[in-house]
Amino acid sequence: MKKIIKYVINDILRNKIVIVYTLLLVIISFSVFNLEDNTSKGLLSLMNIVLIIVPLICIIFSTIYIYNSSEFIELLVSQPLQRKHIWMSLYAGMSLALTLAFFIGVGVAVLIYSPTTTGFILVGVGLLLTLIFVSIALLAAVYTRDKAKGIGISVLLWLYFSLIFDSLVLFILFQFADYPLEKAMLVLSGLNPIDMGRILILLKMDVSALMGYTGAVFQNFFGTTYGVIITLLVMLLWTIVPVSLSLRKFKKKDL
């Protein structure tokens, strides 16, 4: 299992796309902090990159990598190795490589320019989103043999979590504006890991005051230690559940 993880990490870190991804994050991170006089504004600008670009790159790259490694996976399956170990090794290798790329690209700049609680939360959310969207990519890739269809599913999932979900929530809020939906919004937020990360970061930036009564409700829940723990547990579930479902499918899949 360790040999497979090591091979996957080395293979991914040599990939030109990952190298470009890391360099792009480095350039953006340092540029944002150097252009802004206030580090809080720099973190706010960087938050949009973490919440949009990082999930997109992770889910698309991971999906393509699984399809391109199909022959390697078939070779491993033909060996006296458990499918569980093969699949989890692939997940661990991709996750470690992409989290390393993210930490170098964003984490180093944050540690230099803004080593605050908000900065650490921003980096932590980015690392968790990397793990989550690699997990979702495995689920998308294992359910179809067609590479184009698998990549299409991954893109649609990213669009849903980053754009469509918020539109649906706004539609519900407008339709039921006369009802107290603030607490229901807490539950709905748990259905989107990107939203969970966004709320955590914004609350630590004290921007929740601009969110009105709903922001106060979020502050009362997510601003407490209990709320932060619950949020982290929900995001961990978003990591565990997709990879568990993909593993279950992979064990039964006819390669």
C-alpha atoms as a PDB file:
ATOM      1  CA  MET A   1       0.000   0.000   0.000  1.00  0.00           C
ATOM      2  CA  LYS A   2       2.821   2.412   0.851  1.00  0.00           C
ATOM      3  CA  LYS A   3       4.528   1.678  -2.467  1.00  0.00           C
ATOM      4  CA  ILE A   4       1.356   2.505  -4.401  1.00  0.00           C
ATOM      5  CA  ILE A   5       0.888   5.760  -2.471  1.00  0.00           C
ATOM      6  CA  LYS A   6       4.524   6.726  -3.064  1.00  0.00           C
ATOM      7  CA  TYR A   7       4.235   5.952  -6.789  1.00  0.00           C
ATOM      8  CA  VAL A   8       1.020   7.999  -7.153  1.00  0.00           C
ATOM      9  CA  ILE A   9       2.492  10.976  -5.276  1.00  0.00           C
ATOM     10  CA  ASN A  10       5.670  10.957  -7.378  1.00  0.00           C
ATOM     11  CA  ASP A  11       3.663  10.570 -10.577  1.00  0.00           C
ATOM     12  CA  ILE A  12       1.325  13.467  -9.748  1.00  0.00           C
ATOM     13  CA  LEU A  13       4.033  15.818  -8.500  1.00  0.00           C
ATOM     14  CA  ARG A  14       5.873  15.360 -11.822  1.00  0.00           C
ATOM     15  CA  ASN A  15       2.708  16.201 -13.741  1.00  0.00           C
ATOM     16  CA  LYS A  16       2.947  19.539 -15.570  1.00  0.00           C
ATOM     17  CA  ILE A  17      -0.657  20.432 -14.707  1.00  0.00           C
ATOM     18  CA  VAL A  18       0.026  20.123 -10.966  1.00  0.00           C
ATOM     19  CA  ILE A  19       3.244  22.126 -11.324  1.00  0.00           C
ATOM     20  CA  VAL A  20       1.377  24.892 -13.196  1.00  0.00           C
ATOM     21  CA  TYR A  21      -1.449  24.719 -10.617  1.00  0.00           C
ATOM     22  CA  THR A  22       1.046  25.203  -7.769  1.00  0.00           C
ATOM     23  CA  LEU A  23       2.891  28.044  -9.488  1.00  0.00           C
ATOM     24  CA  LEU A  24      -0.404  29.751 -10.361  1.00  0.00           C
ATOM     25  CA  LEU A  25      -1.518  29.612  -6.716  1.00  0.00           C
ATOM     26  CA  VAL A  26       1.882  30.966  -5.595  1.00  0.00           C
ATOM     27  CA  ILE A  27       1.689  33.898  -8.041  1.00  0.00           C
ATOM     28  CA  ILE A  28      -1.915  34.713  -7.119  1.00  0.00           C
ATOM     29  CA  SER A  29      -1.312  34.426  -3.359  1.00  0.00           C
ATOM     30  CA  PHE A  30       1.757  36.646  -3.249  1.00  0.00           C
ATOM     31  CA  SER A  31       0.219  39.127  -5.715  1.00  0.00           C
ATOM     32  CA  VAL A  32      -2.965  39.455  -3.643  1.00  0.00           C
ATOM     33  CA  PHE A  33      -1.064  40.220  -0.435  1.00  0.00           C
ATOM     34  CA  ASN A  34       1.357  42.638  -2.141  1.00  0.00           C
ATOM     35  CA  LEU A  35      -1.426  44.555  -3.903  1.00  0.00           C
ATOM     36  CA  GLU A  36      -3.554  44.971  -0.761  1.00  0.00           C
ATOM     37  CA  ASP A  37      -2.431  47.161   2.123  1.00  0.00           C
ATOM     38  CA  ASN A  38      -4.813  45.344   4.465  1.00  0.00           C
ATOM     39  CA  THR A  39      -4.138  41.622   4.966  1.00  0.00           C
ATOM     40  CA  SER A  40      -7.856  41.047   5.690  1.00  0.00           C
ATOM     41  CA  LYS A  41      -8.712  42.268   2.187  1.00  0.00           C
ATOM     42  CA  GLY A  42      -5.991  39.986   0.817  1.00  0.00           C
ATOM     43  CA  LEU A  43      -7.499  37.001   2.648  1.00  0.00           C
ATOM     44  CA  LEU A  44     -10.975  37.906   1.367  1.00  0.00           C
ATOM     45  CA  SER A  45      -9.685  37.986  -2.213  1.00  0.00           C
ATOM     46  CA  LEU A  46      -7.802  34.738  -1.689  1.00  0.00           C
ATOM     47  CA  MET A  47     -10.945  33.125  -0.261  1.00  0.00           C
ATOM     48  CA  ASN A  48     -12.658  33.296  -3.665  1.00  0.00           C
ATOM     49  CA  ILE A  49      -9.720  31.431  -5.235  1.00  0.00           C
ATOM     50  CA  VAL A  50      -9.800  28.774  -2.516  1.00  0.00           C
ATOM     51  CA  LEU A  51     -13.570  28.257  -2.788  1.00  0.00           C
ATOM     52  CA  ILE A  52     -13.826  28.216  -6.590  1.00  0.00           C
ATOM     53  CA  ILE A  53     -10.526  27.339  -8.296  1.00  0.00           C
ATOM     54  CA  VAL A  54      -9.232  24.721  -5.829  1.00  0.00           C
ATOM     55  CA  PRO A  55     -12.362  22.478  -5.969  1.00  0.00           C
ATOM     56  CA  LEU A  56     -12.496  22.814  -9.778  1.00  0.00           C
ATOM     57  CA  ILE A  57      -8.867  21.774 -10.312  1.00  0.00           C
ATOM     58  CA  CYS A  58      -9.046  18.969  -7.749  1.00  0.00           C
ATOM     59  CA  ILE A  59     -12.213  17.337  -9.077  1.00  0.00           C
ATOM     60  CA  ILE A  60     -11.296  17.569 -12.778  1.00  0.00           C
ATOM     61  CA  PHE A  61      -7.629  16.561 -12.361  1.00  0.00           C
ATOM     62  CA  SER A  62      -8.502  13.619 -10.075  1.00  0.00           C
ATOM     63  CA  THR A  63     -11.196  12.352 -12.445  1.00  0.00           C
ATOM     64  CA  ILE A  64      -8.863  12.510 -15.447  1.00  0.00           C
ATOM     65  CA  TYR A  65      -6.059  10.874 -13.465  1.00  0.00           C
ATOM     66  CA  ILE A  66      -8.257   7.894 -12.557  1.00  0.00           C
ATOM     67  CA  TYR A  67      -9.244   7.357 -16.203  1.00  0.00           C
ATOM     68  CA  ASN A  68      -5.663   7.736 -17.438  1.00  0.00           C
ATOM     69  CA  SER A  69      -4.505   5.233 -14.800  1.00  0.00           C
ATOM     70  CA  SER A  70      -7.008   2.562 -15.829  1.00  0.00           C
ATOM     71  CA  GLU A  71      -4.318   0.207 -17.173  1.00  0.00           C
ATOM     72  CA  PHE A  72      -2.231   0.690 -14.027  1.00  0.00           C
ATOM     73  CA  ILE A  73      -5.302  -0.050 -11.879  1.00  0.00           C
ATOM     74  CA  GLU A  74      -6.065  -3.203 -13.892  1.00  0.00           C
ATOM     75  CA  LEU A  75      -2.463  -4.325 -13.384  1.00  0.00           C
ATOM     76  CA  LEU A  76      -2.755  -3.798  -9.633  1.00  0.00           C
ATOM     77  CA  VAL A  77      -6.067  -5.673  -9.500  1.00  0.00           C
ATOM     78  CA  SER A  78      -4.451  -8.652 -11.240  1.00  0.00           C
ATOM     79  CA  GLN A  79      -1.915  -8.828  -8.413  1.00  0.00           C
ATOM     80  CA  PRO A  80      -2.630 -10.487  -5.035  1.00  0.00           C
ATOM     81  CA  LEU A  81      -3.783  -7.168  -3.569  1.00  0.00           C
ATOM     82  CA  GLN A  82      -7.074  -6.284  -1.966  1.00  0.00           C
ATOM     83  CA  ARG A  83      -9.154  -3.855  -3.990  1.00  0.00           C
ATOM     84  CA  LYS A  84      -9.752  -1.834  -0.840  1.00  0.00           C
ATOM     85  CA  HIS A  85      -6.018  -1.221  -0.434  1.00  0.00           C
ATOM     86  CA  ILE A  86      -5.620  -0.312  -4.115  1.00  0.00           C
ATOM     87  CA  TRP A  87      -8.455   2.226  -4.120  1.00  0.00           C
ATOM     88  CA  MET A  88      -7.560   3.823  -0.796  1.00  0.00           C
ATOM     89  CA  SER A  89      -3.917   4.051  -1.872  1.00  0.00           C
ATOM     90  CA  LEU A  90      -4.962   5.927  -5.012  1.00  0.00           C
ATOM     91  CA  TYR A  91      -7.085   8.284  -2.929  1.00  0.00           C
ATOM     92  CA  ALA A  92      -4.323   8.836  -0.373  1.00  0.00           C
ATOM     93  CA  GLY A  93      -1.709   9.456  -3.073  1.00  0.00           C
ATOM     94  CA  MET A  94      -3.826  11.974  -4.987  1.00  0.00           C
ATOM     95  CA  SER A  95      -4.957  13.726  -1.805  1.00  0.00           C
ATOM     96  CA  LEU A  96      -1.447  14.057  -0.385  1.00  0.00           C
ATOM     97  CA  ALA A  97      -0.013  15.355  -3.667  1.00  0.00           C
ATOM     98  CA  LEU A  98      -2.770  17.934  -4.203  1.00  0.00           C
ATOM     99  CA  THR A  99      -2.798  19.089  -0.564  1.00  0.00           C
ATOM    100  CA  LEU A 100       0.970  19.574  -0.785  1.00  0.00           C
ATOM    101  CA  ALA A 101       0.516  21.613  -3.974  1.00  0.00           C
ATOM    102  CA  PHE A 102      -2.160  23.725  -2.271  1.00  0.00           C
ATOM    103  CA  PHE A 103      -0.099  24.277   0.864  1.00  0.00           C
ATOM    104  CA  ILE A 104       2.916  25.409  -1.163  1.00  0.00           C
ATOM    105  CA  GLY A 105       0.728  27.607  -3.379  1.00  0.00           C
ATOM    106  CA  VAL A 106      -1.426  29.255  -0.692  1.00  0.00           C
ATOM    107  CA  GLY A 107      -0.271  28.138   2.752  1.00  0.00           C
ATOM    108  CA  VAL A 108       3.255  29.574   2.497  1.00  0.00           C
ATOM    109  CA  ALA A 109       1.996  33.031   1.483  1.00  0.00           C
ATOM    110  CA  VAL A 110      -0.612  33.033   4.268  1.00  0.00           C
ATOM    111  CA  LEU A 111       1.977  32.013   6.871  1.00  0.00           C
ATOM    112  CA  ILE A 112       4.280  34.828   5.731  1.00  0.00           C
ATOM    113  CA  TYR A 113       1.761  37.660   5.370  1.00  0.00           C
ATOM    114  CA  SER A 114      -1.147  36.715   7.650  1.00  0.00           C
ATOM    115  CA  PRO A 115      -0.276  34.102  10.320  1.00  0.00           C
ATOM    116  CA  THR A 116      -3.589  34.718  12.117  1.00  0.00           C
ATOM    117  CA  THR A 117      -6.522  32.533  13.115  1.00  0.00           C
ATOM    118  CA  THR A 118      -8.392  33.616   9.980  1.00  0.00           C
ATOM    119  CA  GLY A 119      -5.403  32.749   7.807  1.00  0.00           C
ATOM    120  CA  PHE A 120      -5.066  29.303   9.373  1.00  0.00           C
ATOM    121  CA  ILE A 121      -8.795  28.663   8.890  1.00  0.00           C
ATOM    122  CA  LEU A 122      -8.510  29.700   5.226  1.00  0.00           C
ATOM    123  CA  VAL A 123      -5.668  27.224   4.695  1.00  0.00           C
ATOM    124  CA  GLY A 124      -7.513  24.524   6.667  1.00  0.00           C
ATOM    125  CA  VAL A 125     -10.675  24.989   4.588  1.00  0.00           C
ATOM    126  CA  GLY A 126      -8.628  24.765   1.386  1.00  0.00           C
ATOM    127  CA  LEU A 127      -7.003  21.512   2.530  1.00  0.00           C
ATOM    128  CA  LEU A 128     -10.391  20.028   3.497  1.00  0.00           C
ATOM    129  CA  LEU A 129     -11.950  21.063   0.171  1.00  0.00           C
ATOM    130  CA  THR A 130      -9.043  19.384  -1.627  1.00  0.00           C
ATOM    131  CA  LEU A 131      -9.725  16.111   0.220  1.00  0.00           C
ATOM    132  CA  ILE A 132     -13.484  16.423  -0.357  1.00  0.00           C
ATOM    133  CA  PHE A 133     -13.340  17.054  -4.102  1.00  0.00           C
ATOM    134  CA  VAL A 134     -10.764  14.324  -4.703  1.00  0.00           C
ATOM    135  CA  SER A 135     -13.209  12.024  -2.907  1.00  0.00           C
ATOM    136  CA  ILE A 136     -16.123  13.229  -5.072  1.00  0.00           C
ATOM    137  CA  ALA A 137     -13.979  12.786  -8.206  1.00  0.00           C
ATOM    138  CA  LEU A 138     -13.377   9.125  -7.328  1.00  0.00           C
ATOM    139  CA  LEU A 139     -17.114   8.616  -6.955  1.00  0.00           C
ATOM    140  CA  ALA A 140     -17.801  10.247 -10.333  1.00  0.00           C
ATOM    141  CA  ALA A 141     -15.070   8.259 -12.110  1.00  0.00           C
ATOM    142  CA  VAL A 142     -15.956   4.828 -10.731  1.00  0.00           C
ATOM    143  CA  TYR A 143     -19.587   4.948 -11.834  1.00  0.00           C
ATOM    144  CA  THR A 144     -18.969   5.232 -15.571  1.00  0.00           C
ATOM    145  CA  ARG A 145     -16.407   3.817 -18.012  1.00  0.00           C
ATOM    146  CA  ASP A 146     -16.836   6.699 -20.465  1.00  0.00           C
ATOM    147  CA  LYS A 147     -14.092   9.261 -19.802  1.00  0.00           C
ATOM    148  CA  ALA A 148     -15.979  12.168 -21.377  1.00  0.00           C
ATOM    149  CA  LYS A 149     -19.105  11.337 -19.408  1.00  0.00           C
ATOM    150  CA  GLY A 150     -17.131  11.019 -16.169  1.00  0.00           C
ATOM    151  CA  ILE A 151     -15.446  14.394 -16.662  1.00  0.00           C
ATOM    152  CA  GLY A 152     -18.831  15.909 -17.546  1.00  0.00           C
ATOM    153  CA  ILE A 153     -20.328  14.571 -14.304  1.00  0.00           C
ATOM    154  CA  SER A 154     -17.412  16.045 -12.348  1.00  0.00           C
ATOM    155  CA  VAL A 155     -17.861  19.475 -13.950  1.00  0.00           C
ATOM    156  CA  LEU A 156     -21.618  19.381 -13.262  1.00  0.00           C
ATOM    157  CA  LEU A 157     -20.992  18.466  -9.629  1.00  0.00           C
ATOM    158  CA  TRP A 158     -18.577  21.396  -9.290  1.00  0.00           C
ATOM    159  CA  LEU A 159     -21.113  23.732 -10.907  1.00  0.00           C
ATOM    160  CA  TYR A 160     -23.793  22.469  -8.531  1.00  0.00           C
ATOM    161  CA  PHE A 161     -21.733  23.024  -5.392  1.00  0.00           C
ATOM    162  CA  SER A 162     -20.187  26.345  -6.448  1.00  0.00           C
ATOM    163  CA  LEU A 163     -23.076  28.049  -8.284  1.00  0.00           C
ATOM    164  CA  ILE A 164     -26.359  26.156  -8.629  1.00  0.00           C
ATOM    165  CA  PHE A 165     -26.752  25.280  -4.937  1.00  0.00           C
ATOM    166  CA  ASP A 166     -26.618  28.947  -3.870  1.00  0.00           C
ATOM    167  CA  SER A 167     -29.164  29.828  -6.550  1.00  0.00           C
ATOM    168  CA  LEU A 168     -31.537  27.155  -5.233  1.00  0.00           C
ATOM    169  CA  VAL A 169     -31.100  28.418  -1.656  1.00  0.00           C
ATOM    170  CA  LEU A 170     -31.860  31.985  -2.753  1.00  0.00           C
ATOM    171  CA  PHE A 171     -34.942  30.759  -4.608  1.00  0.00           C
ATOM    172  CA  ILE A 172     -36.188  29.008  -1.451  1.00  0.00           C
ATOM    173  CA  LEU A 173     -35.512  32.130   0.630  1.00  0.00           C
ATOM    174  CA  PHE A 174     -37.496  34.315  -1.767  1.00  0.00           C
ATOM    175  CA  GLN A 175     -40.395  31.854  -2.024  1.00  0.00           C
ATOM    176  CA  PHE A 176     -40.690  31.460   1.748  1.00  0.00           C
ATOM    177  CA  ALA A 177     -39.576  34.949   2.791  1.00  0.00           C
ATOM    178  CA  ASP A 178     -42.477  35.243   5.268  1.00  0.00           C
ATOM    179  CA  TYR A 179     -41.293  32.235   7.266  1.00  0.00           C
ATOM    180  CA  PRO A 180     -38.375  32.035   9.730  1.00  0.00           C
ATOM    181  CA  LEU A 181     -35.886  30.026   7.687  1.00  0.00           C
ATOM    182  CA  GLU A 182     -32.678  31.054   9.439  1.00  0.00           C
ATOM    183  CA  LYS A 183     -32.316  27.782  11.341  1.00  0.00           C
ATOM    184  CA  ALA A 184     -33.254  25.811   8.220  1.00  0.00           C
ATOM    185  CA  MET A 185     -30.379  27.577   6.461  1.00  0.00           C
ATOM    186  CA  LEU A 186     -27.990  25.988   8.970  1.00  0.00           C
ATOM    187  CA  VAL A 187     -29.139  22.552   7.828  1.00  0.00           C
ATOM    188  CA  LEU A 188     -29.065  23.477   4.139  1.00  0.00           C
ATOM    189  CA  SER A 189     -25.515  24.806   4.506  1.00  0.00           C
ATOM    190  CA  GLY A 190     -24.401  21.343   5.616  1.00  0.00           C
ATOM    191  CA  LEU A 191     -25.408  20.003   2.198  1.00  0.00           C
ATOM    192  CA  ASN A 192     -22.653  22.024   0.516  1.00  0.00           C
ATOM    193  CA  PRO A 193     -19.020  21.798   1.736  1.00  0.00           C
ATOM    194  CA  ILE A 194     -18.086  24.996  -0.135  1.00  0.00           C
ATOM    195  CA  ASP A 195     -20.771  26.920   1.754  1.00  0.00           C
ATOM    196  CA  MET A 196     -19.567  25.507   5.060  1.00  0.00           C
ATOM    197  CA  GLY A 197     -16.042  26.676   4.325  1.00  0.00           C
ATOM    198  CA  ARG A 198     -17.239  30.106   3.170  1.00  0.00           C
ATOM    199  CA  ILE A 199     -19.274  30.664   6.347  1.00  0.00           C
ATOM    200  CA  LEU A 200     -16.379  29.669   8.609  1.00  0.00           C
ATOM    201  CA  ILE A 201     -13.981  32.060   6.884  1.00  0.00           C
ATOM    202  CA  LEU A 202     -16.421  34.995   6.712  1.00  0.00           C
ATOM    203  CA  LEU A 203     -17.376  34.695  10.374  1.00  0.00           C
ATOM    204  CA  LYS A 204     -13.726  34.810  11.422  1.00  0.00           C
ATOM    205  CA  MET A 205     -13.320  37.933   9.285  1.00  0.00           C
ATOM    206  CA  ASP A 206     -16.204  39.619  11.171  1.00  0.00           C
ATOM    207  CA  VAL A 207     -18.058  40.149   7.900  1.00  0.00           C
ATOM    208  CA  SER A 208     -21.135  38.392   9.319  1.00  0.00           C
ATOM    209  CA  ALA A 209     -22.497  41.786  10.414  1.00  0.00           C
ATOM    210  CA  LEU A 210     -23.175  42.492   6.735  1.00  0.00           C
ATOM    211  CA  MET A 211     -25.327  39.356   6.517  1.00  0.00           C
ATOM    212  CA  GLY A 212     -28.106  40.758   8.750  1.00  0.00           C
ATOM    213  CA  TYR A 213     -30.198  38.526  10.981  1.00  0.00           C
ATOM    214  CA  THR A 214     -29.100  35.382   9.157  1.00  0.00           C
ATOM    215  CA  GLY A 215     -25.494  36.338   9.837  1.00  0.00           C
ATOM    216  CA  ALA A 216     -26.329  36.683  13.522  1.00  0.00           C
ATOM    217  CA  VAL A 217     -27.823  33.180  13.524  1.00  0.00           C
ATOM    218  CA  PHE A 218     -24.708  31.806  11.812  1.00  0.00           C
ATOM    219  CA  GLN A 219     -22.540  33.709  14.294  1.00  0.00           C
ATOM    220  CA  ASN A 220     -24.396  32.203  17.255  1.00  0.00           C
ATOM    221  CA  PHE A 221     -23.881  28.677  15.909  1.00  0.00           C
ATOM    222  CA  PHE A 222     -20.740  28.595  13.761  1.00  0.00           C
ATOM    223  CA  GLY A 223     -18.981  31.199  15.895  1.00  0.00           C
ATOM    224  CA  THR A 224     -18.942  28.914  18.933  1.00  0.00           C
ATOM    225  CA  THR A 225     -16.473  26.104  19.589  1.00  0.00           C
ATOM    226  CA  TYR A 226     -19.360  23.625  19.347  1.00  0.00           C
ATOM    227  CA  GLY A 227     -20.382  25.042  15.967  1.00  0.00           C
ATOM    228  CA  VAL A 228     -16.826  24.866  14.605  1.00  0.00           C
ATOM    229  CA  ILE A 229     -16.511  21.227  15.728  1.00  0.00           C
ATOM    230  CA  ILE A 230     -19.853  20.332  14.089  1.00  0.00           C
ATOM    231  CA  THR A 231     -18.774  22.092  10.882  1.00  0.00           C
ATOM    232  CA  LEU A 232     -15.477  20.192  10.766  1.00  0.00           C
ATOM    233  CA  LEU A 233     -17.296  16.901  11.395  1.00  0.00           C
ATOM    234  CA  VAL A 234     -19.724  17.628   8.533  1.00  0.00           C
ATOM    235  CA  MET A 235     -16.819  18.432   6.201  1.00  0.00           C
ATOM    236  CA  LEU A 236     -15.088  15.205   7.281  1.00  0.00           C
ATOM    237  CA  LEU A 237     -18.289  13.332   6.423  1.00  0.00           C
ATOM    238  CA  TRP A 238     -18.155  14.957   2.980  1.00  0.00           C
ATOM    239  CA  THR A 239     -14.681  13.425   2.662  1.00  0.00           C
ATOM    240  CA  ILE A 240     -15.534   9.972   4.001  1.00  0.00           C
ATOM    241  CA  VAL A 241     -18.956   9.279   2.463  1.00  0.00           C
ATOM    242  CA  PRO A 242     -18.094   9.775  -1.265  1.00  0.00           C
ATOM    243  CA  VAL A 243     -14.854   7.770  -1.024  1.00  0.00           C
ATOM    244  CA  SER A 244     -16.681   5.009   0.887  1.00  0.00           C
ATOM    245  CA  LEU A 245     -19.389   4.825  -1.786  1.00  0.00           C
ATOM    246  CA  SER A 246     -16.763   4.784  -4.538  1.00  0.00           C
ATOM    247  CA  LEU A 247     -14.876   2.013  -2.724  1.00  0.00           C
ATOM    248  CA  ARG A 248     -18.050  -0.059  -2.452  1.00  0.00           C
ATOM    249  CA  LYS A 249     -18.632   0.346  -6.192  1.00  0.00           C
ATOM    250  CA  PHE A 250     -14.971  -0.379  -7.057  1.00  0.00           C
ATOM    251  CA  LYS A 251     -15.019  -3.661  -5.115  1.00  0.00           C
ATOM    252  CA  LYS A 252     -17.896  -4.942  -7.287  1.00  0.00           C
ATOM    253  CA  LYS A 253     -16.858  -3.336 -10.561  1.00  0.00           C
ATOM    254  CA  ASP A 254     -15.878  -5.558 -13.477  1.00  0.00           C
ATOM    255  CA  LEU A 255     -12.681  -4.078 -14.900  1.00  0.00           C
END
